[in-house]
Amino acid sequence: MAYLSSGASQIIYARQYRHSESNAMVARTSNLEMRQLWDCGINHRIPKHQLNLWAIAGIKKKMFVNKIVTKSLSEHLVYSKGFIGIDKSIAHLESLLQKESKKVRVIGICGMAGIGKTTIAEEIFSQNRSKYDGGCFSPKVSEELGRHGMKPLQENLFSTLLAEDVKIDTPNRLSSDIKRRIGQMKVLIVLDDVKDTDQLEMLFGTLDWFRSDSRIIVTTRDKQVLIANQVDDIYEVGVLSSNEALELFNLNAFERNNQLEMEYYELSKKFVNYARGIPLALKILGHLLRGKDKQVWESMLDKLKREPIKMFGVLHSNEE
């Protein structure tokens, strides 16, 4: 194994020997790349087979090192935030963002309550915002519209994109100045929890005034919302695998106490099976059981068996 760490040396060396030390080749990252890693407090392992590939001759050595470092950093950050099982979703959505297009691309993320749509969208926005001239994450769109109406939502969205205080006189018709200025920018917009098919049109009117390299992400429980708006791509979020579900549950129930994880293993599996791979259910159950003794765990399991609908009703009253 080789390590990325904040030790005394500022340079990583990757050596691959062929028959003799005289044929050794060295690949190294720059001081700036290492400082970026140290700023995140990372001590990360790189598998030996990846180091072997660094020995390939040619100008691609540094590019390959940068790719491995970036991938390792990204995966570590996602894991360190307690996000389990979303790396594949993130990678797929990243590829959709990067697709070339002659018009603004709209990407839909759909799935049941508690499945992690908002979490994934937040992470995508966080990782990509710096690549755009402007960006805005609008949470709980339907709820905000119901409480305050269209005007405050539009004002907040366009004020964020333009980094100035924007006032909307007529919500049903955007001014040509707003369209012109934002139309000159590359923007990233996330509209979270859209429930009605007409909400995108209410916000923007048509989308033809956006720049072609701008991107809009919409999360919703209802796939028909995305179909009705003819979005370019639809990504359906699935449940976690049994291993991922157990890992997420343990993270919330034990805070990485390996001894307790082993002692409660059989009981943990029963709660994980009950949660059906839904991240929010796993988090809620883990938090409820944290620090409790086995008697409490067994009592709650009995209650859940008697009233299964009651627990999953929590998912509809909790935001993701």
C-alpha atoms as a PDB file:
ATOM      1  CA  MET A   1       0.000   0.000   0.000  1.00  0.00           C
ATOM      2  CA  ALA A   2       0.968   3.610  -0.530  1.00  0.00           C
ATOM      3  CA  TYR A   3      -0.491   6.450   1.480  1.00  0.00           C
ATOM      4  CA  LEU A   4      -1.653   9.992   0.880  1.00  0.00           C
ATOM      5  CA  SER A   5      -0.885  11.633   4.208  1.00  0.00           C
ATOM      6  CA  SER A   6       0.149  14.891   5.824  1.00  0.00           C
ATOM      7  CA  GLY A   7       3.585  13.664   6.845  1.00  0.00           C
ATOM      8  CA  ALA A   8       6.887  15.479   6.599  1.00  0.00           C
ATOM      9  CA  SER A   9       7.309  14.978   2.868  1.00  0.00           C
ATOM     10  CA  GLN A  10       5.366  17.209   0.467  1.00  0.00           C
ATOM     11  CA  ILE A  11       5.702  14.842  -2.480  1.00  0.00           C
ATOM     12  CA  ILE A  12       4.193  11.425  -3.169  1.00  0.00           C
ATOM     13  CA  TYR A  13       6.514   8.967  -4.804  1.00  0.00           C
ATOM     14  CA  ALA A  14       5.163   5.963  -6.695  1.00  0.00           C
ATOM     15  CA  ARG A  15       7.813   3.465  -7.678  1.00  0.00           C
ATOM     16  CA  GLN A  16       7.400   0.430  -9.898  1.00  0.00           C
ATOM     17  CA  TYR A  17      10.419  -1.826 -10.306  1.00  0.00           C
ATOM     18  CA  ARG A  18      10.897  -4.025 -13.344  1.00  0.00           C
ATOM     19  CA  HIS A  19      13.659  -6.602 -12.939  1.00  0.00           C
ATOM     20  CA  SER A  20      15.998  -4.054 -11.350  1.00  0.00           C
ATOM     21  CA  GLU A  21      15.912  -0.748  -9.521  1.00  0.00           C
ATOM     22  CA  SER A  22      17.522   0.946 -12.487  1.00  0.00           C
ATOM     23  CA  ASN A  23      14.219   0.738 -14.343  1.00  0.00           C
ATOM     24  CA  ALA A  24      12.251   2.432 -11.584  1.00  0.00           C
ATOM     25  CA  MET A  25       9.985   5.255 -12.637  1.00  0.00           C
ATOM     26  CA  VAL A  26       8.668   7.978 -10.398  1.00  0.00           C
ATOM     27  CA  ALA A  27       5.386   9.857 -10.590  1.00  0.00           C
ATOM     28  CA  ARG A  28       4.773  12.780  -8.299  1.00  0.00           C
ATOM     29  CA  THR A  29       1.992  15.193  -7.486  1.00  0.00           C
ATOM     30  CA  SER A  30       2.552  18.908  -7.084  1.00  0.00           C
ATOM     31  CA  ASN A  31       2.778  20.703  -3.741  1.00  0.00           C
ATOM     32  CA  LEU A  32      -0.536  22.423  -4.514  1.00  0.00           C
ATOM     33  CA  GLU A  33      -2.296  19.071  -5.027  1.00  0.00           C
ATOM     34  CA  MET A  34      -0.935  17.796  -1.714  1.00  0.00           C
ATOM     35  CA  ARG A  35      -2.015  20.944   0.136  1.00  0.00           C
ATOM     36  CA  GLN A  36      -5.528  20.492  -1.236  1.00  0.00           C
ATOM     37  CA  LEU A  37      -5.556  17.014   0.260  1.00  0.00           C
ATOM     38  CA  TRP A  38      -4.099  18.127   3.592  1.00  0.00           C
ATOM     39  CA  ASP A  39      -6.695  20.900   3.901  1.00  0.00           C
ATOM     40  CA  CYS A  40      -9.309  18.139   4.080  1.00  0.00           C
ATOM     41  CA  GLY A  41      -7.368  16.224   6.743  1.00  0.00           C
ATOM     42  CA  ILE A  42      -7.046  13.106   4.637  1.00  0.00           C
ATOM     43  CA  ASN A  43      -4.835  10.092   5.196  1.00  0.00           C
ATOM     44  CA  HIS A  44      -5.899   7.867   2.329  1.00  0.00           C
ATOM     45  CA  ARG A  45      -4.622   4.571   0.930  1.00  0.00           C
ATOM     46  CA  ILE A  46      -4.026   3.917  -2.752  1.00  0.00           C
ATOM     47  CA  PRO A  47      -4.065   0.238  -3.785  1.00  0.00           C
ATOM     48  CA  LYS A  48      -0.803  -1.149  -5.094  1.00  0.00           C
ATOM     49  CA  HIS A  49      -2.277  -2.058  -8.491  1.00  0.00           C
ATOM     50  CA  GLN A  50      -3.043   1.618  -9.066  1.00  0.00           C
ATOM     51  CA  LEU A  51       0.533   2.574  -8.221  1.00  0.00           C
ATOM     52  CA  ASN A  52       1.782  -0.024 -10.700  1.00  0.00           C
ATOM     53  CA  LEU A  53      -0.093   1.725 -13.470  1.00  0.00           C
ATOM     54  CA  TRP A  54       1.734   4.956 -12.664  1.00  0.00           C
ATOM     55  CA  ALA A  55       4.899   3.400 -14.034  1.00  0.00           C
ATOM     56  CA  ILE A  56       3.572   3.488 -17.598  1.00  0.00           C
ATOM     57  CA  ALA A  57       5.890   5.692 -19.636  1.00  0.00           C
ATOM     58  CA  GLY A  58       4.601   8.809 -21.384  1.00  0.00           C
ATOM     59  CA  ILE A  59       3.117  12.180 -20.690  1.00  0.00           C
ATOM     60  CA  LYS A  60      -0.056  10.671 -19.171  1.00  0.00           C
ATOM     61  CA  LYS A  61       1.645   9.904 -15.836  1.00  0.00           C
ATOM     62  CA  LYS A  62       0.711  13.155 -14.124  1.00  0.00           C
ATOM     63  CA  MET A  63      -2.811  13.092 -15.576  1.00  0.00           C
ATOM     64  CA  PHE A  64      -3.322   9.608 -14.161  1.00  0.00           C
ATOM     65  CA  VAL A  65      -2.016  10.640 -10.726  1.00  0.00           C
ATOM     66  CA  ASN A  66      -4.367  13.625 -10.678  1.00  0.00           C
ATOM     67  CA  LYS A  67      -7.313  11.387 -11.628  1.00  0.00           C
ATOM     68  CA  ILE A  68      -6.595   8.897  -8.826  1.00  0.00           C
ATOM     69  CA  VAL A  69      -6.055  11.671  -6.259  1.00  0.00           C
ATOM     70  CA  THR A  70      -9.277  13.452  -7.251  1.00  0.00           C
ATOM     71  CA  LYS A  71     -11.325  10.224  -7.225  1.00  0.00           C
ATOM     72  CA  SER A  72      -9.942   9.190  -3.815  1.00  0.00           C
ATOM     73  CA  LEU A  73     -10.606  12.637  -2.379  1.00  0.00           C
ATOM     74  CA  SER A  74     -14.179  12.744  -3.698  1.00  0.00           C
ATOM     75  CA  GLU A  75     -15.039   9.285  -2.361  1.00  0.00           C
ATOM     76  CA  HIS A  76     -13.548  10.110   1.042  1.00  0.00           C
ATOM     77  CA  LEU A  77     -15.505  13.345   1.380  1.00  0.00           C
ATOM     78  CA  VAL A  78     -18.813  11.665   0.500  1.00  0.00           C
ATOM     79  CA  TYR A  79     -18.153   8.883   3.027  1.00  0.00           C
ATOM     80  CA  SER A  80     -17.004  11.291   5.749  1.00  0.00           C
ATOM     81  CA  LYS A  81     -20.355  13.116   5.615  1.00  0.00           C
ATOM     82  CA  GLY A  82     -22.205   9.904   6.432  1.00  0.00           C
ATOM     83  CA  PHE A  83     -23.477   9.374   2.899  1.00  0.00           C
ATOM     84  CA  ILE A  84     -23.628   5.657   2.201  1.00  0.00           C
ATOM     85  CA  GLY A  85     -24.388   4.143  -1.184  1.00  0.00           C
ATOM     86  CA  ILE A  86     -24.717   7.357  -3.199  1.00  0.00           C
ATOM     87  CA  ASP A  87     -21.360   7.308  -5.002  1.00  0.00           C
ATOM     88  CA  LYS A  88     -22.791   5.549  -8.081  1.00  0.00           C
ATOM     89  CA  SER A  89     -25.714   7.967  -8.211  1.00  0.00           C
ATOM     90  CA  ILE A  90     -23.337  10.913  -7.977  1.00  0.00           C
ATOM     91  CA  ALA A  91     -21.112   9.528 -10.741  1.00  0.00           C
ATOM     92  CA  HIS A  92     -24.065   8.915 -13.065  1.00  0.00           C
ATOM     93  CA  LEU A  93     -25.561  12.359 -12.530  1.00  0.00           C
ATOM     94  CA  GLU A  94     -22.143  13.946 -13.036  1.00  0.00           C
ATOM     95  CA  SER A  95     -22.012  12.311 -16.456  1.00  0.00           C
ATOM     96  CA  LEU A  96     -25.462  13.702 -17.282  1.00  0.00           C
ATOM     97  CA  LEU A  97     -24.380  17.206 -16.279  1.00  0.00           C
ATOM     98  CA  GLN A  98     -21.413  17.006 -18.608  1.00  0.00           C
ATOM     99  CA  LYS A  99     -23.377  15.981 -21.700  1.00  0.00           C
ATOM    100  CA  GLU A 100     -23.115  18.550 -24.443  1.00  0.00           C
ATOM    101  CA  SER A 101     -26.364  20.111 -25.564  1.00  0.00           C
ATOM    102  CA  LYS A 102     -27.709  22.754 -27.941  1.00  0.00           C
ATOM    103  CA  LYS A 103     -30.083  23.954 -25.212  1.00  0.00           C
ATOM    104  CA  VAL A 104     -30.239  24.020 -21.428  1.00  0.00           C
ATOM    105  CA  ARG A 105     -30.455  20.467 -20.065  1.00  0.00           C
ATOM    106  CA  VAL A 106     -33.028  19.586 -17.419  1.00  0.00           C
ATOM    107  CA  ILE A 107     -32.251  16.519 -15.299  1.00  0.00           C
ATOM    108  CA  GLY A 108     -34.916  14.888 -13.154  1.00  0.00           C
ATOM    109  CA  ILE A 109     -34.296  12.882  -9.979  1.00  0.00           C
ATOM    110  CA  CYS A 110     -37.277  10.879  -8.751  1.00  0.00           C
ATOM    111  CA  GLY A 111     -38.054   8.299  -6.094  1.00  0.00           C
ATOM    112  CA  MET A 112     -40.150   7.587  -3.019  1.00  0.00           C
ATOM    113  CA  ALA A 113     -40.064   9.702   0.141  1.00  0.00           C
ATOM    114  CA  GLY A 114     -36.908   9.205   2.198  1.00  0.00           C
ATOM    115  CA  ILE A 115     -34.952   7.558  -0.619  1.00  0.00           C
ATOM    116  CA  GLY A 116     -32.294  10.290  -0.693  1.00  0.00           C
ATOM    117  CA  LYS A 117     -33.211  12.496  -3.665  1.00  0.00           C
ATOM    118  CA  THR A 118     -32.474  15.734  -1.827  1.00  0.00           C
ATOM    119  CA  THR A 119     -29.243  14.415  -0.327  1.00  0.00           C
ATOM    120  CA  ILE A 120     -27.972  13.426  -3.762  1.00  0.00           C
ATOM    121  CA  ALA A 121     -29.024  16.737  -5.313  1.00  0.00           C
ATOM    122  CA  GLU A 122     -27.337  18.691  -2.503  1.00  0.00           C
ATOM    123  CA  GLU A 123     -24.100  16.785  -3.000  1.00  0.00           C
ATOM    124  CA  ILE A 124     -24.189  17.255  -6.773  1.00  0.00           C
ATOM    125  CA  PHE A 125     -24.774  20.990  -6.294  1.00  0.00           C
ATOM    126  CA  SER A 126     -21.997  21.267  -3.710  1.00  0.00           C
ATOM    127  CA  GLN A 127     -19.472  19.486  -5.924  1.00  0.00           C
ATOM    128  CA  ASN A 128     -20.308  21.417  -9.112  1.00  0.00           C
ATOM    129  CA  ARG A 129     -21.335  24.940  -8.081  1.00  0.00           C
ATOM    130  CA  SER A 130     -17.831  26.355  -8.584  1.00  0.00           C
ATOM    131  CA  LYS A 131     -17.906  25.335 -12.262  1.00  0.00           C
ATOM    132  CA  TYR A 132     -20.755  27.750 -13.002  1.00  0.00           C
ATOM    133  CA  ASP A 133     -21.099  31.519 -13.124  1.00  0.00           C
ATOM    134  CA  GLY A 134     -24.092  31.350 -10.814  1.00  0.00           C
ATOM    135  CA  GLY A 135     -25.975  28.730  -8.845  1.00  0.00           C
ATOM    136  CA  CYS A 136     -29.028  28.336  -6.643  1.00  0.00           C
ATOM    137  CA  PHE A 137     -30.395  25.430  -4.617  1.00  0.00           C
ATOM    138  CA  SER A 138     -34.098  25.991  -3.915  1.00  0.00           C
ATOM    139  CA  PRO A 139     -35.303  23.548  -1.223  1.00  0.00           C
ATOM    140  CA  LYS A 140     -38.904  22.476  -0.657  1.00  0.00           C
ATOM    141  CA  VAL A 141     -40.211  24.265  -3.729  1.00  0.00           C
ATOM    142  CA  SER A 142     -43.799  23.067  -3.416  1.00  0.00           C
ATOM    143  CA  GLU A 143     -43.943  23.858   0.283  1.00  0.00           C
ATOM    144  CA  GLU A 144     -42.537  27.361  -0.274  1.00  0.00           C
ATOM    145  CA  LEU A 145     -45.005  28.018  -3.069  1.00  0.00           C
ATOM    146  CA  GLY A 146     -47.878  26.930  -0.833  1.00  0.00           C
ATOM    147  CA  ARG A 147     -46.740  29.151   2.044  1.00  0.00           C
ATOM    148  CA  HIS A 148     -45.510  32.282   0.313  1.00  0.00           C
ATOM    149  CA  GLY A 149     -46.492  32.119  -3.360  1.00  0.00           C
ATOM    150  CA  MET A 150     -44.449  32.439  -6.521  1.00  0.00           C
ATOM    151  CA  LYS A 151     -42.997  35.943  -6.118  1.00  0.00           C
ATOM    152  CA  PRO A 152     -40.714  35.318  -3.066  1.00  0.00           C
ATOM    153  CA  LEU A 153     -39.444  32.088  -4.598  1.00  0.00           C
ATOM    154  CA  GLN A 154     -38.561  33.809  -7.875  1.00  0.00           C
ATOM    155  CA  GLU A 155     -36.952  36.765  -6.099  1.00  0.00           C
ATOM    156  CA  ASN A 156     -34.785  34.504  -3.966  1.00  0.00           C
ATOM    157  CA  LEU A 157     -33.763  32.349  -6.936  1.00  0.00           C
ATOM    158  CA  PHE A 158     -32.839  35.213  -9.274  1.00  0.00           C
ATOM    159  CA  SER A 159     -31.224  37.261  -6.489  1.00  0.00           C
ATOM    160  CA  THR A 160     -28.988  34.298  -5.704  1.00  0.00           C
ATOM    161  CA  LEU A 161     -28.041  33.767  -9.342  1.00  0.00           C
ATOM    162  CA  LEU A 162     -27.242  37.445  -9.952  1.00  0.00           C
ATOM    163  CA  ALA A 163     -25.738  38.037  -6.479  1.00  0.00           C
ATOM    164  CA  GLU A 164     -27.872  41.141  -5.958  1.00  0.00           C
ATOM    165  CA  ASP A 165     -31.303  42.056  -4.645  1.00  0.00           C
ATOM    166  CA  VAL A 166     -33.857  41.325  -7.374  1.00  0.00           C
ATOM    167  CA  LYS A 167     -37.495  42.424  -7.132  1.00  0.00           C
ATOM    168  CA  ILE A 168     -40.210  40.842  -9.280  1.00  0.00           C
ATOM    169  CA  ASP A 169     -43.116  43.082 -10.247  1.00  0.00           C
ATOM    170  CA  THR A 170     -45.179  40.549 -12.190  1.00  0.00           C
ATOM    171  CA  PRO A 171     -44.459  36.895 -11.250  1.00  0.00           C
ATOM    172  CA  ASN A 172     -46.285  35.623 -14.322  1.00  0.00           C
ATOM    173  CA  ARG A 173     -43.923  37.458 -16.659  1.00  0.00           C
ATOM    174  CA  LEU A 174     -40.191  37.834 -16.088  1.00  0.00           C
ATOM    175  CA  SER A 175     -38.569  41.075 -17.191  1.00  0.00           C
ATOM    176  CA  SER A 176     -36.460  41.007 -20.325  1.00  0.00           C
ATOM    177  CA  ASP A 177     -33.535  42.373 -18.285  1.00  0.00           C
ATOM    178  CA  ILE A 178     -33.508  39.356 -15.947  1.00  0.00           C
ATOM    179  CA  LYS A 179     -33.726  36.959 -18.860  1.00  0.00           C
ATOM    180  CA  ARG A 180     -30.979  38.756 -20.756  1.00  0.00           C
ATOM    181  CA  ARG A 181     -28.536  38.857 -17.828  1.00  0.00           C
ATOM    182  CA  ILE A 182     -29.077  35.293 -16.632  1.00  0.00           C
ATOM    183  CA  GLY A 183     -29.159  34.146 -20.259  1.00  0.00           C
ATOM    184  CA  GLN A 184     -25.571  35.336 -20.575  1.00  0.00           C
ATOM    185  CA  MET A 185     -24.469  33.212 -17.613  1.00  0.00           C
ATOM    186  CA  LYS A 186     -23.707  29.535 -17.178  1.00  0.00           C
ATOM    187  CA  VAL A 187     -25.942  28.646 -14.227  1.00  0.00           C
ATOM    188  CA  LEU A 188     -26.726  25.586 -12.099  1.00  0.00           C
ATOM    189  CA  ILE A 189     -30.205  25.475 -10.559  1.00  0.00           C
ATOM    190  CA  VAL A 190     -31.680  22.794  -8.290  1.00  0.00           C
ATOM    191  CA  LEU A 191     -35.432  22.775  -7.679  1.00  0.00           C
ATOM    192  CA  ASP A 192     -36.097  20.402  -4.807  1.00  0.00           C
ATOM    193  CA  ASP A 193     -39.386  18.592  -4.163  1.00  0.00           C
ATOM    194  CA  VAL A 194     -41.438  19.770  -7.126  1.00  0.00           C
ATOM    195  CA  LYS A 195     -44.931  18.277  -6.956  1.00  0.00           C
ATOM    196  CA  ASP A 196     -46.972  19.903  -9.720  1.00  0.00           C
ATOM    197  CA  THR A 197     -46.398  19.708 -13.450  1.00  0.00           C
ATOM    198  CA  ASP A 198     -46.835  23.452 -13.999  1.00  0.00           C
ATOM    199  CA  GLN A 199     -44.356  24.695 -11.374  1.00  0.00           C
ATOM    200  CA  LEU A 200     -41.373  24.890 -13.754  1.00  0.00           C
ATOM    201  CA  GLU A 201     -43.379  26.938 -16.227  1.00  0.00           C
ATOM    202  CA  MET A 202     -44.622  29.187 -13.421  1.00  0.00           C
ATOM    203  CA  LEU A 203     -41.035  29.860 -12.338  1.00  0.00           C
ATOM    204  CA  PHE A 204     -39.347  30.397 -15.682  1.00  0.00           C
ATOM    205  CA  GLY A 205     -41.919  30.514 -18.448  1.00  0.00           C
ATOM    206  CA  THR A 206     -40.073  28.850 -21.317  1.00  0.00           C
ATOM    207  CA  LEU A 207     -36.489  27.662 -20.908  1.00  0.00           C
ATOM    208  CA  ASP A 208     -35.142  28.835 -24.253  1.00  0.00           C
ATOM    209  CA  TRP A 209     -33.590  31.971 -22.709  1.00  0.00           C
ATOM    210  CA  PHE A 210     -31.089  29.956 -20.658  1.00  0.00           C
ATOM    211  CA  ARG A 211     -27.589  29.373 -22.014  1.00  0.00           C
ATOM    212  CA  SER A 212     -27.038  25.935 -23.555  1.00  0.00           C
ATOM    213  CA  ASP A 213     -24.370  25.008 -20.973  1.00  0.00           C
ATOM    214  CA  SER A 214     -26.655  25.816 -18.034  1.00  0.00           C
ATOM    215  CA  ARG A 215     -28.205  22.937 -16.091  1.00  0.00           C
ATOM    216  CA  ILE A 216     -31.445  22.586 -14.107  1.00  0.00           C
ATOM    217  CA  ILE A 217     -31.966  19.667 -11.702  1.00  0.00           C
ATOM    218  CA  VAL A 218     -35.467  18.817 -10.471  1.00  0.00           C
ATOM    219  CA  THR A 219     -36.228  16.386  -7.638  1.00  0.00           C
ATOM    220  CA  THR A 220     -39.702  14.932  -7.221  1.00  0.00           C
ATOM    221  CA  ARG A 221     -41.566  11.929  -5.879  1.00  0.00           C
ATOM    222  CA  ASP A 222     -43.792  11.900  -8.946  1.00  0.00           C
ATOM    223  CA  LYS A 223     -42.163  10.746 -12.172  1.00  0.00           C
ATOM    224  CA  GLN A 224     -45.091  12.149 -14.142  1.00  0.00           C
ATOM    225  CA  VAL A 225     -43.956  15.666 -13.206  1.00  0.00           C
ATOM    226  CA  LEU A 226     -40.719  15.012 -15.102  1.00  0.00           C
ATOM    227  CA  ILE A 227     -42.421  13.345 -18.057  1.00  0.00           C
ATOM    228  CA  ALA A 228     -44.950  16.185 -18.401  1.00  0.00           C
ATOM    229  CA  ASN A 229     -42.111  18.730 -18.472  1.00  0.00           C
ATOM    230  CA  GLN A 230     -40.183  16.705 -21.048  1.00  0.00           C
ATOM    231  CA  VAL A 231     -36.942  16.760 -19.071  1.00  0.00           C
ATOM    232  CA  ASP A 232     -33.843  15.537 -20.881  1.00  0.00           C
ATOM    233  CA  ASP A 233     -32.882  12.807 -18.403  1.00  0.00           C
ATOM    234  CA  ILE A 234     -34.670  10.986 -15.593  1.00  0.00           C
ATOM    235  CA  TYR A 235     -32.716   9.274 -12.830  1.00  0.00           C
ATOM    236  CA  GLU A 236     -34.682   7.030 -10.466  1.00  0.00           C
ATOM    237  CA  VAL A 237     -33.077   6.603  -7.053  1.00  0.00           C
ATOM    238  CA  GLY A 238     -33.179   3.016  -5.804  1.00  0.00           C
ATOM    239  CA  VAL A 239     -33.037   1.569  -2.307  1.00  0.00           C
ATOM    240  CA  LEU A 240     -29.735   0.680  -0.644  1.00  0.00           C
ATOM    241  CA  SER A 241     -28.272  -2.809  -0.860  1.00  0.00           C
ATOM    242  CA  SER A 242     -28.411  -4.896   2.326  1.00  0.00           C
ATOM    243  CA  ASN A 243     -24.744  -4.194   3.085  1.00  0.00           C
ATOM    244  CA  GLU A 244     -25.108  -0.458   2.472  1.00  0.00           C
ATOM    245  CA  ALA A 245     -28.271  -0.362   4.580  1.00  0.00           C
ATOM    246  CA  LEU A 246     -26.543  -2.092   7.495  1.00  0.00           C
ATOM    247  CA  GLU A 247     -23.592   0.290   7.212  1.00  0.00           C
ATOM    248  CA  LEU A 248     -25.850   3.365   7.285  1.00  0.00           C
ATOM    249  CA  PHE A 249     -27.876   2.016  10.187  1.00  0.00           C
ATOM    250  CA  ASN A 250     -24.726   1.230  12.178  1.00  0.00           C
ATOM    251  CA  LEU A 251     -23.315   4.678  11.472  1.00  0.00           C
ATOM    252  CA  ASN A 252     -26.366   6.280  13.080  1.00  0.00           C
ATOM    253  CA  ALA A 253     -26.914   3.738  15.860  1.00  0.00           C
ATOM    254  CA  PHE A 254     -23.362   3.133  17.090  1.00  0.00           C
ATOM    255  CA  GLU A 255     -21.144   5.999  15.845  1.00  0.00           C
ATOM    256  CA  ARG A 256     -18.535   3.485  14.663  1.00  0.00           C
ATOM    257  CA  ASN A 257     -18.374   1.527  17.931  1.00  0.00           C
ATOM    258  CA  ASN A 258     -17.303  -1.825  16.474  1.00  0.00           C
ATOM    259  CA  GLN A 259     -17.836  -3.752  19.692  1.00  0.00           C
ATOM    260  CA  LEU A 260     -21.459  -2.651  19.984  1.00  0.00           C
ATOM    261  CA  GLU A 261     -22.014  -3.374  16.295  1.00  0.00           C
ATOM    262  CA  MET A 262     -20.985  -6.986  16.885  1.00  0.00           C
ATOM    263  CA  GLU A 263     -23.047  -7.362  20.070  1.00  0.00           C
ATOM    264  CA  TYR A 264     -26.198  -6.011  18.397  1.00  0.00           C
ATOM    265  CA  TYR A 265     -25.577  -7.575  14.977  1.00  0.00           C
ATOM    266  CA  GLU A 266     -28.604  -9.889  14.846  1.00  0.00           C
ATOM    267  CA  LEU A 267     -30.973  -7.220  16.152  1.00  0.00           C
ATOM    268  CA  SER A 268     -29.512  -4.666  13.742  1.00  0.00           C
ATOM    269  CA  LYS A 269     -30.232  -6.943  10.783  1.00  0.00           C
ATOM    270  CA  LYS A 270     -33.898  -7.147  11.805  1.00  0.00           C
ATOM    271  CA  PHE A 271     -34.236  -3.359  11.869  1.00  0.00           C
ATOM    272  CA  VAL A 272     -32.396  -3.072   8.564  1.00  0.00           C
ATOM    273  CA  ASN A 273     -34.757  -5.581   6.971  1.00  0.00           C
ATOM    274  CA  TYR A 274     -37.696  -3.612   8.325  1.00  0.00           C
ATOM    275  CA  ALA A 275     -36.415  -0.354   6.804  1.00  0.00           C
ATOM    276  CA  ARG A 276     -36.376  -1.929   3.312  1.00  0.00           C
ATOM    277  CA  GLY A 277     -33.249  -0.068   2.222  1.00  0.00           C
ATOM    278  CA  ILE A 278     -34.792   3.404   2.628  1.00  0.00           C
ATOM    279  CA  PRO A 279     -32.062   5.770   3.906  1.00  0.00           C
ATOM    280  CA  LEU A 280     -34.327   8.077   5.928  1.00  0.00           C
ATOM    281  CA  ALA A 281     -35.968   5.129   7.715  1.00  0.00           C
ATOM    282  CA  LEU A 282     -32.518   3.717   8.542  1.00  0.00           C
ATOM    283  CA  LYS A 283     -31.359   7.066   9.923  1.00  0.00           C
ATOM    284  CA  ILE A 284     -34.493   7.560  12.027  1.00  0.00           C
ATOM    285  CA  LEU A 285     -34.307   4.062  13.481  1.00  0.00           C
ATOM    286  CA  GLY A 286     -30.580   4.367  14.159  1.00  0.00           C
ATOM    287  CA  HIS A 287     -31.005   7.672  16.005  1.00  0.00           C
ATOM    288  CA  LEU A 288     -33.951   6.365  18.027  1.00  0.00           C
ATOM    289  CA  LEU A 289     -31.966   3.320  19.173  1.00  0.00           C
ATOM    290  CA  ARG A 290     -28.605   4.962  19.802  1.00  0.00           C
ATOM    291  CA  GLY A 291     -27.443   4.419  23.377  1.00  0.00           C
ATOM    292  CA  LYS A 292     -30.390   2.166  24.256  1.00  0.00           C
ATOM    293  CA  ASP A 293     -30.003  -1.319  25.756  1.00  0.00           C
ATOM    294  CA  LYS A 294     -31.142  -4.540  24.083  1.00  0.00           C
ATOM    295  CA  GLN A 295     -34.423  -4.594  25.979  1.00  0.00           C
ATOM    296  CA  VAL A 296     -35.428  -1.281  24.414  1.00  0.00           C
ATOM    297  CA  TRP A 297     -34.373  -2.532  20.968  1.00  0.00           C
ATOM    298  CA  GLU A 298     -36.474  -5.667  21.298  1.00  0.00           C
ATOM    299  CA  SER A 299     -39.468  -3.667  22.576  1.00  0.00           C
ATOM    300  CA  MET A 300     -39.298  -1.268  19.631  1.00  0.00           C
ATOM    301  CA  LEU A 301     -38.999  -4.150  17.193  1.00  0.00           C
ATOM    302  CA  ASP A 302     -42.199  -5.644  18.620  1.00  0.00           C
ATOM    303  CA  LYS A 303     -43.977  -2.291  18.239  1.00  0.00           C
ATOM    304  CA  LEU A 304     -42.856  -1.974  14.644  1.00  0.00           C
ATOM    305  CA  LYS A 305     -44.166  -5.445  13.870  1.00  0.00           C
ATOM    306  CA  ARG A 306     -47.557  -4.511  15.319  1.00  0.00           C
ATOM    307  CA  GLU A 307     -47.754  -1.061  13.694  1.00  0.00           C
ATOM    308  CA  PRO A 308     -45.614  -1.089  10.521  1.00  0.00           C
ATOM    309  CA  ILE A 309     -47.633   1.644   8.793  1.00  0.00           C
ATOM    310  CA  LYS A 310     -47.118   4.073  11.678  1.00  0.00           C
ATOM    311  CA  MET A 311     -43.334   4.129  11.319  1.00  0.00           C
ATOM    312  CA  PHE A 312     -43.333   4.606   7.570  1.00  0.00           C
ATOM    313  CA  GLY A 313     -45.892   7.373   7.927  1.00  0.00           C
ATOM    314  CA  VAL A 314     -43.038   9.360   9.495  1.00  0.00           C
ATOM    315  CA  LEU A 315     -41.382   9.448   6.088  1.00  0.00           C
ATOM    316  CA  HIS A 316     -44.180  11.546   4.661  1.00  0.00           C
ATOM    317  CA  SER A 317     -44.013  14.122   7.458  1.00  0.00           C
ATOM    318  CA  ASN A 318     -40.185  14.424   7.466  1.00  0.00           C
ATOM    319  CA  GLU A 319     -38.283  16.242   4.738  1.00  0.00           C
ATOM    320  CA  GLU A 320     -35.479  14.261   3.159  1.00  0.00           C
END
